[in-house]
Amino acid sequence: MTGKGKSPAYGLAIYFTLIFLLGAYFAFASVQGDYGLFRRIQIEAELKSLAAKRDRLERQVAQMKNKTHRLSDDYLDLDLLDEQARSVLGMARPDEVVIR
């Protein structure tokens, strides 16, 4: 009489190993991959940095537009013109004291 013994369930072990490996791969990819969590955090930090740089450049452009308008033919600010001429040419009035 030959009895049926329990054979090892190799198929079941391979199946669960495969499922575990696929789950581990997708978990790793969701955190470390090109579209993962860490990449998203990195992109958001870069976005904040670039937005701050954009805002700083917009303020500089607004200041330049203001100075350009104040030195234009339509609207001439004599104080700004005097300040710019002194700065560029390095001139001073005879009654002024220059401190460096």
Protein backbone atom coordinates (compact mmCIF):
# COMPACT_ATOMS: atom_id res chain seq x y z
CA MET A 1 0.00 0.00 0.00
CA THR A 2 1.40 3.22 -1.07
CA GLY A 3 0.09 6.15 0.78
CA LYS A 4 -0.16 9.57 -0.57
CA GLY A 5 2.27 11.68 1.36
CA LYS A 6 2.20 15.43 1.45
CA SER A 7 4.38 16.84 -1.23
CA PRO A 8 5.96 20.21 -0.63
CA ALA A 9 3.95 23.00 -2.10
CA TYR A 10 6.61 24.47 -4.32
CA GLY A 11 4.06 26.20 -6.51
CA LEU A 12 2.50 27.99 -3.56
CA ALA A 13 5.90 29.07 -2.23
CA ILE A 14 6.91 30.40 -5.66
CA TYR A 15 3.58 32.20 -5.97
CA PHE A 16 3.93 33.98 -2.60
CA THR A 17 7.58 34.79 -3.26
CA LEU A 18 6.65 36.33 -6.60
CA ILE A 19 3.81 38.33 -5.01
CA PHE A 20 6.16 39.53 -2.25
CA LEU A 21 8.87 40.57 -4.72
CA LEU A 22 6.38 42.44 -6.92
CA GLY A 23 4.96 44.21 -3.86
CA ALA A 24 8.46 45.16 -2.69
CA TYR A 25 9.35 46.45 -6.16
CA PHE A 26 6.23 48.62 -6.42
CA ALA A 27 6.70 49.91 -2.86
CA PHE A 28 10.30 50.85 -3.67
CA ALA A 29 9.29 52.48 -6.96
CA SER A 30 6.53 54.49 -5.28
CA VAL A 31 9.05 55.98 -2.86
CA GLN A 32 12.33 56.14 -4.81
CA GLY A 33 11.28 56.06 -8.47
CA ASP A 34 11.12 58.83 -11.06
CA TYR A 35 7.55 59.62 -10.05
CA GLY A 36 7.95 58.60 -6.41
CA LEU A 37 7.44 60.39 -3.16
CA PHE A 38 11.01 61.66 -2.77
CA ARG A 39 11.06 63.05 -6.30
CA ARG A 40 7.78 64.86 -5.64
CA ILE A 41 9.22 66.47 -2.50
CA GLN A 42 12.31 67.49 -4.46
CA ILE A 43 10.20 69.03 -7.24
CA GLU A 44 8.05 70.96 -4.73
CA ALA A 45 11.18 72.38 -3.05
CA GLU A 46 12.56 73.40 -6.44
CA LEU A 47 9.22 74.99 -7.29
CA LYS A 48 9.31 77.10 -4.12
CA SER A 49 12.89 78.15 -4.83
CA LEU A 50 12.08 79.14 -8.41
CA ALA A 51 8.94 81.01 -7.31
CA ALA A 52 10.99 83.03 -4.82
CA LYS A 53 13.57 83.79 -7.53
CA ARG A 54 10.78 84.82 -9.93
CA ASP A 55 9.28 87.16 -7.32
CA ARG A 56 12.69 88.72 -6.65
CA LEU A 57 13.25 89.28 -10.37
CA GLU A 58 9.76 90.78 -10.77
CA ARG A 59 10.56 93.27 -7.99
CA GLN A 60 13.84 94.18 -9.71
CA VAL A 61 12.04 94.69 -13.03
CA ALA A 62 9.43 96.88 -11.34
CA GLN A 63 12.19 99.00 -9.77
CA MET A 64 13.93 99.35 -13.14
CA LYS A 65 10.66 100.32 -14.83
CA ASN A 66 10.06 102.91 -12.13
CA LYS A 67 13.54 104.43 -12.57
CA THR A 68 13.20 104.33 -16.35
CA HIS A 69 9.86 106.11 -16.14
CA ARG A 70 11.27 108.70 -13.73
CA LEU A 71 14.15 109.43 -16.13
CA SER A 72 12.01 109.52 -19.29
CA ASP A 73 11.21 112.62 -21.33
CA ASP A 74 7.56 112.57 -20.27
CA TYR A 75 8.31 112.61 -16.55
CA LEU A 76 11.73 113.79 -15.40
CA ASP A 77 12.66 113.46 -11.74
CA LEU A 78 15.47 115.96 -11.26
CA ASP A 79 16.54 114.49 -7.93
CA LEU A 80 16.97 111.03 -9.45
CA LEU A 81 18.79 112.54 -12.45
CA ASP A 82 21.14 114.39 -10.09
CA GLU A 83 21.72 111.23 -8.05
CA GLN A 84 22.48 109.14 -11.14
CA ALA A 85 24.82 111.76 -12.62
CA ARG A 86 26.76 111.99 -9.35
CA SER A 87 26.94 108.21 -9.05
CA VAL A 88 28.10 107.62 -12.62
CA LEU A 89 30.38 110.62 -13.02
CA GLY A 90 31.61 110.76 -9.43
CA MET A 91 30.91 114.49 -9.18
CA ALA A 92 30.17 116.61 -6.12
CA ARG A 93 29.25 120.24 -5.55
CA PRO A 94 31.91 122.56 -4.21
CA ASP A 95 30.06 123.00 -0.90
CA GLU A 96 29.67 119.23 -0.25
CA VAL A 97 31.93 116.98 1.78
CA VAL A 98 32.56 113.53 0.33
CA ILE A 99 33.00 110.71 2.85
CA ARG A 100 34.34 107.39 1.63
